[in-house]
Amino acid sequence: MTITSGLDQVGKTHLAINLALELARRGRLAGVFHDPGQISAVNDLLELQQPAALWRRAEDSDEYGIMRRGYQGVDVLSCNVPMRLWPDVDPEQRTRCTQNMDVRDGYDDFLVDTSGMDARSLLACCKASAVVILVVTPGSRSQAESFALLQVLRLNGFSGKLCLLVNRNLYPVDSLEIYNDLSRLLRSHLDLDAAFLGGVPEDRHVMMAERNREAFSSLFPDSDASSGVVAVVDALDDVPAHFVAGPQTLPAFLDALVDTMQMPVCLPGGTVLEDTYAPAAEPDKMQPAADREQAGEMSLLQYAGDVPGLWHFLEILPPVLRSLSEDLEDLVVMVDSNNVLTPGDSSAGLSDDLVLPLLARLLATFRAADPVRAIELEVTDMRVTGQQQNWLQAGRYLKYTFRLSQEPLPEPVAALLDRVPAMIRSTGAEGEEISEVVVPAQNSCLSVISAARACTRIQVWLPVVKGELPAGVLVASR
C-alpha cells in the first residue's frame, strides 16, 4: 500500500505508523518504508530502536545500505540510496538489495510513506502498488492538489485500488461530505472510483504523543484518533481480494517500482516530467511569505459548490470583496499602528464595542512575541440559522480564522485579553481555553481559542452587509 497526498503536511507519516501498528495488533507482519529524506522526521516522531537481530531473519547486511528499525512489532525501513537513484544502481546489486529488504516469511502488509519523495518516485510508488491510500484534509487546497495528483496518475495508466482517507476532520459528517464531493469529481472527470476508508479526527493526543516520541494509538489507545485508525483498518479489510493480485512479494513489488520509475511521466497539456531533483522541503516548516508569493503559491480565492451557485457567486462577489477589502485595509493600518505599543501600554482602544481594533492589537502582539512563527488565515462563508442567547443574530457571516503555531498562549496576549471589558472566559469540550467578546451593536464576535499542544486560533465573525454569498463558498488566503 502507498500512503500519499497531493499536499505536504497532511499527516501521512503519523497515519502510516499507526495503521501499521493496528495491523500488527491483529497479528499481521507489517513494515513501513520511507525515503532517506524523511529519516529525521521519523526520528522526531518515534523513539526507534535498532535491534541486534530480528527473529524473522538471520541478519541485515550493511553492504546494501538497508536501514531496519523496530517499533512495537513493526519494521520501519529505509535505504541509504534515495529512491529516485535506484534505477542507476547496478541491476545485480539492486536485486540483492531488494531481496535483502524482505523478511524470511514475507510481510503481510507493506506500507510506503511518500512523505519527502520527489514527484517521479511518488508517482511510481502509486502505480506499482495494489492499493493507494489518498490522504486529504478539510482544507480546500488539500483536496484540489489531490485531484491534480490523481489526474496525473490517470494520464499514466494508474489501475490500482484507490482509497480515500480524510485526516484531521472535526466531525464525521465532514469526512463523508468531502468524500462524496471528491468522488463525484473523480467519476465525472477522471472516470475513477474511490473507496471510502473513513476519517481520523483532529485530536490533541496526536501532538501530545509526538512530543513523547510515541505513536498516538499506543500512548492513547482510547483517543478519537486511535478509534479512527481502527475503523480505517476495518475498512481496508473489506478491499476486494482481486485488487491485491499484483506482486505478492516485496522484491517483486520493488522490481516493478524500479521499472515504473524508468518510464516517462506524462503531464496535462502534453508535457513530460523533467528529471530535476530539488531537495525536499523540510517537514512541518512553512516557506517564507515572500518565497511563496514569488513562486506563485499564494492561494487567494476558491469556490466550492455546484455550477448554479458559481454563477451566483460571481455575480455578487464584487460588492462583497469591496466590503472585505475595506475591512482588511483598516485592519492592516491598525496592526501597523499597534507595532509601537508595548504590553504595558494603556488599554486605550480596547473597548468592547469594536472588533477590528481588538483583532489588530492581538495580531500585533502575536507578531511582536514571535515574528517568525507560521500563521494561516482562512475566511469562510458561514450561516447562523437561529438566534442564540448572548451571541450572534441569525444571518450570513464571514468568519475570519487566524491559526498561529504558538502554544501556550504568549503572556503579552493573555495580559491583553485580561484588559478587555466584557471578555467571557470558558473551557471547551476538549479542555481548550476560550476567551470571547460579543458586540451586539455590530452583530460581531471575536474569540481566542488556545489549548495545550495545539495551535492558537483567533476567530472573528463579521456580518455580510453588501450581498449574500451562496452556500459552499470558501474565500481563503494562506
Protein backbone atom coordinates (compact mmCIF):
# COMPACT_ATOMS: atom_id res chain seq x y z
CA MET A 1 0.00 0.00 0.00
CA THR A 2 1.18 3.51 -0.78
CA ILE A 3 0.08 6.34 1.51
CA THR A 4 0.20 9.62 -0.39
CA SER A 5 -1.41 13.02 -0.80
CA GLY A 6 -1.45 15.98 -3.14
CA LEU A 7 -0.16 18.33 -0.44
CA ASP A 8 2.51 18.13 2.24
CA GLN A 9 1.81 18.31 5.97
CA VAL A 10 -1.39 16.26 5.98
CA GLY A 11 -0.18 13.58 8.42
CA LYS A 12 0.99 10.74 6.15
CA THR A 13 3.81 9.58 8.43
CA HIS A 14 1.56 9.59 11.50
CA LEU A 15 -1.01 7.55 9.62
CA ALA A 16 1.49 5.08 8.12
CA ILE A 17 2.97 4.26 11.53
CA ASN A 18 -0.35 3.95 13.33
CA LEU A 19 -2.02 1.94 10.57
CA ALA A 20 0.92 -0.48 10.60
CA LEU A 21 0.67 -0.77 14.39
CA GLU A 22 -3.02 -1.61 14.19
CA LEU A 23 -2.27 -4.26 11.54
CA ALA A 24 0.44 -5.71 13.83
CA ARG A 25 -2.03 -5.82 16.74
CA ARG A 26 -4.21 -8.03 14.55
CA GLY A 27 -1.38 -10.50 14.10
CA ARG A 28 -0.08 -9.23 10.77
CA LEU A 29 3.57 -8.83 9.82
CA ALA A 30 3.79 -5.14 8.88
CA GLY A 31 6.56 -2.93 7.53
CA VAL A 32 6.70 0.79 6.78
CA PHE A 33 9.11 2.20 4.19
CA HIS A 34 10.17 5.84 3.97
CA ASP A 35 12.68 7.63 1.77
CA PRO A 36 16.01 8.70 3.34
CA GLY A 37 14.93 12.34 3.25
CA GLN A 38 12.31 11.59 5.91
CA ILE A 39 14.66 9.89 8.41
CA SER A 40 14.94 12.96 10.61
CA ALA A 41 11.15 13.42 10.62
CA VAL A 42 10.59 9.78 11.62
CA ASN A 43 13.25 10.08 14.33
CA ASP A 44 11.46 13.13 15.71
CA LEU A 45 8.16 11.26 15.66
CA LEU A 46 9.21 7.96 17.27
CA GLU A 47 11.78 6.53 19.64
CA LEU A 48 13.06 3.82 17.29
CA GLN A 49 15.44 1.05 18.22
CA GLN A 50 17.93 -0.86 16.12
CA PRO A 51 17.79 -4.45 17.37
CA ALA A 52 20.91 -6.61 17.23
CA ALA A 53 18.96 -9.31 15.40
CA LEU A 54 15.38 -9.76 14.24
CA TRP A 55 13.76 -13.11 14.86
CA ARG A 56 12.22 -13.03 11.37
CA ARG A 57 15.61 -13.08 9.63
CA ALA A 58 19.21 -14.07 10.29
CA GLU A 59 20.80 -10.65 9.75
CA ASP A 60 20.68 -7.44 7.74
CA SER A 61 23.73 -6.82 5.62
CA ASP A 62 25.25 -3.34 5.68
CA GLU A 63 26.51 -3.87 2.13
CA TYR A 64 23.25 -2.71 0.58
CA GLY A 65 22.57 0.24 2.88
CA ILE A 66 19.33 -1.16 4.29
CA MET A 67 18.18 0.56 7.50
CA ARG A 68 15.75 -1.54 9.50
CA ARG A 69 14.50 -0.39 12.88
CA GLY A 70 11.76 -1.72 15.08
CA TYR A 71 8.82 -0.15 16.89
CA GLN A 72 6.34 -2.30 18.83
CA GLY A 73 6.37 -5.16 16.34
CA VAL A 74 6.53 -3.01 13.18
CA ASP A 75 9.61 -2.78 10.97
CA VAL A 76 10.47 0.78 9.88
CA LEU A 77 12.71 0.54 6.81
CA SER A 78 14.69 2.84 4.60
CA CYS A 79 17.71 2.74 2.33
CA ASN A 80 20.84 4.85 2.19
CA VAL A 81 20.26 5.37 -1.53
CA PRO A 82 17.33 7.73 -2.31
CA MET A 83 14.58 6.01 -4.27
CA ARG A 84 14.99 8.35 -7.24
CA LEU A 85 18.52 6.93 -7.75
CA TRP A 86 17.54 3.25 -7.65
CA PRO A 87 17.34 2.92 -11.47
CA ASP A 88 21.02 3.99 -11.66
CA VAL A 89 22.20 1.18 -9.34
CA ASP A 90 23.77 -1.91 -10.94
CA PRO A 91 20.86 -4.33 -11.64
CA GLU A 92 22.52 -7.28 -9.91
CA GLN A 93 23.31 -5.25 -6.82
CA ARG A 94 19.80 -3.79 -6.84
CA THR A 95 18.28 -7.26 -6.93
CA ARG A 96 20.35 -8.33 -3.93
CA CYS A 97 19.33 -5.14 -2.17
CA THR A 98 15.59 -5.63 -2.68
CA GLN A 99 15.82 -9.27 -1.62
CA ASN A 100 17.77 -8.20 1.45
CA MET A 101 15.00 -5.77 2.38
CA ASP A 102 12.45 -8.58 2.66
CA VAL A 103 11.93 -10.85 5.68
CA ARG A 104 12.09 -14.61 5.77
CA ASP A 105 8.38 -15.31 5.51
CA GLY A 106 7.44 -12.11 3.74
CA TYR A 107 5.41 -9.17 5.01
CA ASP A 108 1.65 -9.46 5.27
CA ASP A 109 1.36 -5.70 4.79
CA PHE A 110 3.97 -3.27 3.46
CA LEU A 111 3.15 0.45 3.64
CA VAL A 112 5.08 3.06 1.66
CA ASP A 113 5.08 6.57 3.13
CA THR A 114 5.64 9.05 0.28
CA SER A 115 6.49 11.99 2.57
CA GLY A 116 9.51 13.88 1.24
CA MET A 117 9.65 11.96 -2.06
CA ASP A 118 10.26 13.64 -5.39
CA ALA A 119 7.41 13.60 -7.90
CA ARG A 120 8.73 10.70 -10.01
CA SER A 121 9.27 8.41 -7.01
CA LEU A 122 5.85 9.26 -5.58
CA LEU A 123 4.06 8.55 -8.86
CA ALA A 124 5.98 5.29 -9.31
CA CYS A 125 5.00 4.10 -5.82
CA CYS A 126 1.35 4.78 -6.57
CA LYS A 127 1.44 3.00 -9.93
CA ALA A 128 3.28 -0.07 -8.60
CA SER A 129 1.07 -0.51 -5.53
CA ALA A 130 -2.05 -2.61 -5.43
CA VAL A 131 -3.72 -0.14 -3.06
CA VAL A 132 -3.21 3.64 -2.84
CA ILE A 133 -4.46 5.48 0.25
CA LEU A 134 -5.01 9.12 -0.65
CA VAL A 135 -4.95 11.37 2.42
CA VAL A 136 -6.87 14.64 2.29
CA THR A 137 -7.76 17.18 4.95
CA PRO A 138 -10.78 19.50 5.19
CA GLY A 139 -8.67 22.29 3.67
CA SER A 140 -9.79 23.11 0.13
CA ARG A 141 -6.23 23.24 -1.21
CA SER A 142 -5.53 19.70 0.01
CA GLN A 143 -8.50 18.42 -1.98
CA ALA A 144 -7.60 20.44 -5.09
CA GLU A 145 -3.98 19.22 -5.09
CA SER A 146 -5.15 15.62 -4.54
CA PHE A 147 -7.37 15.89 -7.61
CA ALA A 148 -4.39 17.18 -9.60
CA LEU A 149 -2.27 14.23 -8.44
CA LEU A 150 -4.95 11.74 -9.50
CA GLN A 151 -5.23 13.47 -12.86
CA VAL A 152 -1.53 12.78 -13.48
CA LEU A 153 -1.86 9.18 -12.28
CA ARG A 154 -4.80 8.66 -14.60
CA LEU A 155 -2.81 10.02 -17.55
CA ASN A 156 -0.10 7.46 -16.80
CA GLY A 157 -2.28 4.36 -16.62
CA PHE A 158 -2.97 4.01 -12.89
CA SER A 159 -5.02 0.85 -12.33
CA GLY A 160 -4.75 0.10 -8.63
CA LYS A 161 -7.39 0.38 -5.93
CA LEU A 162 -7.86 3.99 -4.81
CA CYS A 163 -8.96 4.60 -1.22
CA LEU A 164 -9.74 7.98 0.33
CA LEU A 165 -8.90 8.83 3.94
CA VAL A 166 -9.88 12.18 5.49
CA ASN A 167 -7.45 13.28 8.20
CA ARG A 168 -7.94 15.94 10.89
CA ASN A 169 -11.66 16.28 10.38
CA LEU A 170 -13.75 17.95 13.08
CA TYR A 171 -16.95 15.94 12.59
CA PRO A 172 -17.63 12.53 10.93
CA VAL A 173 -20.22 14.11 8.65
CA ASP A 174 -17.47 16.39 7.28
CA SER A 175 -15.43 13.37 6.16
CA LEU A 176 -18.35 11.83 4.34
CA GLU A 177 -19.21 15.13 2.66
CA ILE A 178 -15.61 15.58 1.49
CA TYR A 179 -15.58 12.02 0.14
CA ASN A 180 -18.89 12.46 -1.70
CA ASP A 181 -17.78 15.72 -3.32
CA LEU A 182 -14.34 14.45 -4.35
CA SER A 183 -15.52 11.03 -5.54
CA ARG A 184 -18.19 12.71 -7.67
CA LEU A 185 -15.49 14.80 -9.37
CA LEU A 186 -13.28 11.75 -9.88
CA ARG A 187 -16.04 9.76 -11.54
CA SER A 188 -17.23 12.56 -13.80
CA HIS A 189 -13.83 13.96 -14.87
CA LEU A 190 -11.33 11.10 -14.49
CA ASP A 191 -13.54 8.00 -14.61
CA LEU A 192 -12.02 6.88 -11.29
CA ASP A 193 -13.76 5.21 -8.38
CA ALA A 194 -12.52 5.65 -4.83
CA ALA A 195 -13.40 3.60 -1.76
CA PHE A 196 -14.07 5.48 1.46
CA LEU A 197 -11.88 4.41 4.38
CA GLY A 198 -13.34 6.94 6.81
CA GLY A 199 -11.73 9.74 8.75
CA VAL A 200 -9.24 10.26 11.55
CA PRO A 201 -10.43 13.25 13.60
CA GLU A 202 -8.44 16.24 14.77
CA ASP A 203 -7.15 15.15 18.17
CA ARG A 204 -4.82 16.91 20.60
CA HIS A 205 -3.50 13.49 21.68
CA VAL A 206 -1.66 13.20 18.35
CA MET A 207 0.58 16.15 19.18
CA MET A 208 0.96 15.01 22.79
CA ALA A 209 2.17 11.60 21.60
CA GLU A 210 4.59 13.22 19.16
CA ARG A 211 6.09 15.26 21.99
CA ASN A 212 6.74 11.98 23.79
CA ARG A 213 8.08 10.36 20.57
CA GLU A 214 5.43 7.67 20.65
CA ALA A 215 2.63 6.66 18.28
CA PHE A 216 -0.69 8.12 19.40
CA SER A 217 -2.51 4.79 19.06
CA SER A 218 -0.02 3.24 21.51
CA LEU A 219 0.14 6.06 24.05
CA PHE A 220 -3.55 6.99 23.86
CA PRO A 221 -5.42 3.88 22.63
CA ASP A 222 -8.80 5.29 23.69
CA SER A 223 -8.39 8.61 21.87
CA ASP A 224 -10.63 9.66 18.99
CA ALA A 225 -7.71 9.47 16.53
CA SER A 226 -6.93 5.90 17.61
CA SER A 227 -10.57 4.90 17.12
CA GLY A 228 -10.40 6.40 13.65
CA VAL A 229 -7.34 4.27 12.81
CA VAL A 230 -9.14 1.11 13.94
CA ALA A 231 -12.09 1.97 11.70
CA VAL A 232 -9.76 2.63 8.74
CA VAL A 233 -8.09 -0.79 9.12
CA ASP A 234 -11.54 -2.40 9.34
CA ALA A 235 -12.38 -0.74 6.02
CA LEU A 236 -9.09 -1.90 4.48
CA ASP A 237 -10.00 -5.49 5.32
CA ASP A 238 -13.01 -5.07 3.04
CA VAL A 239 -10.90 -4.22 -0.03
CA PRO A 240 -11.74 -6.86 -2.70
CA ALA A 241 -9.13 -9.60 -2.98
CA HIS A 242 -8.64 -9.17 -6.74
CA PHE A 243 -7.07 -5.78 -6.14
CA VAL A 244 -4.15 -7.37 -4.32
CA ALA A 245 -3.42 -9.88 -7.07
CA GLY A 246 -0.33 -7.97 -8.20
CA PRO A 247 3.21 -8.60 -6.93
CA GLN A 248 2.87 -10.92 -3.95
CA THR A 249 6.40 -10.48 -2.60
CA LEU A 250 8.30 -7.39 -1.58
CA PRO A 251 11.16 -7.95 -4.09
CA ALA A 252 8.62 -8.29 -6.91
CA PHE A 253 6.95 -5.03 -5.86
CA LEU A 254 10.28 -3.19 -5.65
CA ASP A 255 11.33 -4.51 -9.06
CA ALA A 256 8.04 -3.28 -10.53
CA LEU A 257 8.63 0.05 -8.81
CA VAL A 258 12.05 0.48 -10.42
CA ASP A 259 10.66 -0.44 -13.84
CA THR A 260 7.90 2.15 -13.41
CA MET A 261 10.37 4.86 -12.40
CA GLN A 262 12.19 4.49 -15.72
CA MET A 263 9.05 5.17 -17.76
CA PRO A 264 8.23 8.71 -18.96
CA VAL A 265 5.67 10.59 -16.86
CA CYS A 266 3.03 12.41 -18.89
CA LEU A 267 1.62 15.64 -17.54
CA PRO A 268 -1.53 17.57 -18.51
CA GLY A 269 -1.00 19.64 -21.63
CA GLY A 270 1.14 17.03 -23.37
CA THR A 271 4.34 17.79 -21.45
CA VAL A 272 6.64 15.27 -19.78
CA LEU A 273 8.03 15.39 -16.25
CA GLU A 274 11.60 16.62 -16.24
CA ASP A 275 14.15 14.76 -14.09
CA THR A 276 15.27 17.70 -11.99
CA TYR A 277 15.68 16.78 -8.36
CA ALA A 278 15.25 19.65 -5.96
CA PRO A 279 15.87 18.97 -2.27
CA ALA A 280 12.67 18.05 -0.47
CA ALA A 281 11.22 20.73 1.78
CA GLU A 282 11.83 20.14 5.46
CA PRO A 283 8.73 18.77 7.19
CA ASP A 284 6.46 20.95 9.30
CA LYS A 285 8.03 24.22 8.17
CA MET A 286 6.31 26.84 6.04
CA GLN A 287 8.11 28.75 3.32
CA PRO A 288 8.60 32.48 3.98
CA ALA A 289 5.73 34.52 2.59
CA ALA A 290 7.99 36.27 0.06
CA ASP A 291 9.16 32.93 -1.35
CA ARG A 292 5.60 31.62 -1.63
CA GLU A 293 4.47 34.77 -3.43
CA GLN A 294 7.41 34.67 -5.83
CA ALA A 295 6.69 31.01 -6.59
CA GLY A 296 3.05 31.82 -7.33
CA GLU A 297 1.71 29.81 -4.41
CA MET A 298 -0.43 32.44 -2.67
CA SER A 299 -3.91 30.93 -2.94
CA LEU A 300 -6.31 33.88 -2.63
CA LEU A 301 -9.75 32.78 -3.73
CA GLN A 302 -11.52 29.48 -4.23
CA TYR A 303 -15.12 28.43 -4.82
CA ALA A 304 -16.51 25.02 -3.82
CA GLY A 305 -20.11 24.23 -4.74
CA ASP A 306 -22.38 23.45 -7.68
CA VAL A 307 -22.41 25.21 -11.06
CA PRO A 308 -25.52 27.39 -10.49
CA GLY A 309 -24.02 28.53 -7.22
CA LEU A 310 -20.82 29.53 -9.03
CA TRP A 311 -22.66 31.99 -11.32
CA HIS A 312 -24.50 33.48 -8.38
CA PHE A 313 -21.19 33.68 -6.55
CA LEU A 314 -19.53 35.57 -9.43
CA GLU A 315 -22.49 37.95 -9.64
CA ILE A 316 -22.47 39.06 -6.01
CA LEU A 317 -18.73 38.64 -5.30
CA PRO A 318 -17.55 42.16 -6.33
CA PRO A 319 -19.58 44.09 -3.70
CA VAL A 320 -18.68 41.56 -1.03
CA LEU A 321 -15.00 41.86 -1.90
CA ARG A 322 -15.21 45.64 -1.77
CA SER A 323 -16.60 45.41 1.74
CA LEU A 324 -13.98 42.81 2.63
CA SER A 325 -11.22 44.96 1.17
CA GLU A 326 -12.26 47.97 3.24
CA ASP A 327 -12.23 45.91 6.45
CA LEU A 328 -8.84 44.38 5.69
CA GLU A 329 -7.30 47.72 4.72
CA ASP A 330 -8.47 49.14 8.05
CA LEU A 331 -7.07 46.06 9.80
CA VAL A 332 -3.63 46.41 8.20
CA VAL A 333 -3.42 50.09 9.17
CA MET A 334 -4.46 49.24 12.72
CA VAL A 335 -1.90 46.42 13.02
CA ASP A 336 0.88 48.69 11.79
CA SER A 337 -0.12 51.44 14.22
CA ASN A 338 -0.07 48.91 17.06
CA ASN A 339 3.57 47.97 16.37
CA VAL A 340 4.73 50.86 18.55
CA LEU A 341 2.66 49.70 21.51
CA THR A 342 4.03 47.57 24.32
CA PRO A 343 2.18 45.19 26.66
CA GLY A 344 2.39 47.83 29.39
CA ASP A 345 0.61 50.50 27.38
CA SER A 346 -2.80 51.71 28.49
CA SER A 347 -5.90 49.87 27.42
CA ALA A 348 -6.96 52.67 25.09
CA GLY A 349 -8.62 51.21 22.02
CA LEU A 350 -9.60 48.04 23.88
CA SER A 351 -13.24 48.88 24.37
CA ASP A 352 -15.71 46.09 23.77
CA ASP A 353 -17.67 47.98 21.08
CA LEU A 354 -15.18 47.47 18.21
CA VAL A 355 -13.90 44.11 16.99
CA LEU A 356 -11.34 45.13 14.37
CA PRO A 357 -9.21 47.29 16.72
CA LEU A 358 -9.04 44.42 19.19
CA LEU A 359 -8.10 41.99 16.40
CA ALA A 360 -5.40 44.39 15.22
CA ARG A 361 -3.93 44.68 18.71
CA LEU A 362 -3.95 40.89 19.11
CA LEU A 363 -2.19 40.29 15.78
CA ALA A 364 0.38 42.97 16.52
CA THR A 365 1.05 41.43 19.94
CA PHE A 366 1.45 37.95 18.44
CA ARG A 367 3.80 39.34 15.80
CA ALA A 368 5.91 41.09 18.45
CA ALA A 369 6.04 37.93 20.58
CA ASP A 370 7.46 35.76 17.80
CA PRO A 371 7.53 37.21 14.26
CA VAL A 372 8.89 34.04 12.58
CA ARG A 373 6.03 31.79 13.68
CA ALA A 374 3.80 30.35 10.95
CA ILE A 375 0.30 31.77 10.58
CA GLU A 376 -2.65 30.77 8.43
CA LEU A 377 -5.72 32.82 7.54
CA GLU A 378 -8.97 31.37 6.30
CA VAL A 379 -12.10 33.40 5.51
CA THR A 380 -15.20 31.25 5.35
CA ASP A 381 -18.81 31.92 4.45
CA MET A 382 -20.94 30.84 7.42
CA ARG A 383 -24.65 30.92 8.22
CA VAL A 384 -26.12 31.32 11.70
CA THR A 385 -29.54 29.71 11.44
CA GLY A 386 -31.12 30.63 14.75
CA GLN A 387 -30.96 33.30 17.39
CA GLN A 388 -28.76 32.11 20.25
CA GLN A 389 -28.83 33.85 23.58
CA ASN A 390 -25.88 36.19 24.17
CA TRP A 391 -24.44 35.50 20.72
CA LEU A 392 -24.98 36.46 17.08
CA GLN A 393 -28.26 37.05 15.33
CA ALA A 394 -29.42 34.74 12.56
CA GLY A 395 -27.87 35.62 9.23
CA ARG A 396 -24.85 35.16 6.99
CA TYR A 397 -21.33 35.97 8.17
CA LEU A 398 -17.73 35.95 7.08
CA LYS A 399 -15.68 34.09 9.67
CA TYR A 400 -12.00 35.04 9.78
CA THR A 401 -9.88 32.31 11.36
CA PHE A 402 -6.22 33.01 12.15
CA ARG A 403 -4.24 29.91 13.15
CA LEU A 404 -0.93 30.60 14.85
CA SER A 405 1.56 27.88 15.74
CA GLN A 406 2.10 29.25 19.24
CA GLU A 407 1.36 27.33 22.42
CA PRO A 408 0.91 28.06 25.19
CA LEU A 409 -0.70 31.48 24.81
CA PRO A 410 2.07 34.14 24.96
CA GLU A 411 1.98 36.14 28.18
CA PRO A 412 1.54 39.53 26.42
CA VAL A 413 -1.52 38.17 24.62
CA ALA A 414 -3.00 36.78 27.82
CA ALA A 415 -2.40 40.12 29.53
CA LEU A 416 -4.08 41.94 26.64
CA LEU A 417 -7.17 39.72 26.87
CA ASP A 418 -7.39 40.36 30.62
CA ARG A 419 -7.75 44.09 29.93
CA VAL A 420 -10.69 43.76 27.53
CA PRO A 421 -14.03 44.73 29.10
CA ALA A 422 -16.84 42.17 28.84
CA MET A 423 -14.45 39.35 27.90
CA ILE A 424 -16.07 35.99 28.70
CA ARG A 425 -13.85 33.05 29.69
CA SER A 426 -14.90 29.40 29.29
CA THR A 427 -13.50 25.91 28.76
CA GLY A 428 -14.33 23.85 25.67
CA ALA A 429 -15.22 20.18 25.40
CA GLU A 430 -11.59 19.21 24.72
CA GLY A 431 -10.19 21.34 27.55
CA GLU A 432 -9.32 24.31 25.36
CA GLU A 433 -9.43 27.78 26.90
CA ILE A 434 -11.84 30.17 25.17
CA SER A 435 -11.87 33.96 25.55
CA GLU A 436 -14.79 35.57 23.72
CA VAL A 437 -16.34 39.00 23.38
CA VAL A 438 -19.65 39.63 21.57
CA VAL A 439 -20.55 43.09 20.26
CA PRO A 440 -24.37 43.21 19.89
CA ALA A 441 -24.36 46.69 18.36
CA GLN A 442 -22.20 45.47 15.47
CA ASN A 443 -23.57 41.92 15.49
CA SER A 444 -19.98 40.67 15.54
CA CYS A 445 -17.85 38.45 17.71
CA LEU A 446 -14.18 37.75 18.48
CA SER A 447 -12.81 34.69 20.25
CA VAL A 448 -9.35 33.39 21.11
CA ILE A 449 -9.07 29.62 21.49
CA SER A 450 -5.92 28.03 22.90
CA ALA A 451 -5.11 24.50 24.01
CA ALA A 452 -2.08 22.62 25.22
CA ARG A 453 0.00 21.18 22.37
CA ALA A 454 -2.18 22.79 19.70
CA CYS A 455 -2.24 25.95 17.64
CA THR A 456 -3.92 29.11 18.84
CA ARG A 457 -6.96 30.29 16.89
CA ILE A 458 -8.35 33.81 16.66
CA GLN A 459 -11.86 33.79 15.19
CA VAL A 460 -13.77 36.91 14.13
CA TRP A 461 -17.36 36.84 12.89
CA LEU A 462 -18.50 39.83 10.82
CA PRO A 463 -21.89 40.09 9.10
CA VAL A 464 -22.12 40.18 5.32
CA VAL A 465 -23.69 43.56 4.70
CA LYS A 466 -23.38 44.02 0.94
CA GLY A 467 -24.72 40.99 -0.88
CA GLU A 468 -25.05 37.42 0.27
CA LEU A 469 -22.68 34.58 -0.53
CA PRO A 470 -24.15 31.26 -1.73
CA ALA A 471 -23.64 28.16 0.37
CA GLY A 472 -20.36 26.39 -0.23
CA VAL A 473 -18.19 29.45 -0.79
CA LEU A 474 -14.70 29.46 0.66
CA VAL A 475 -12.57 32.57 0.44
CA ALA A 476 -9.12 31.54 1.59
CA SER A 477 -5.72 33.16 1.84
CA ARG A 478 -2.84 31.11 3.19
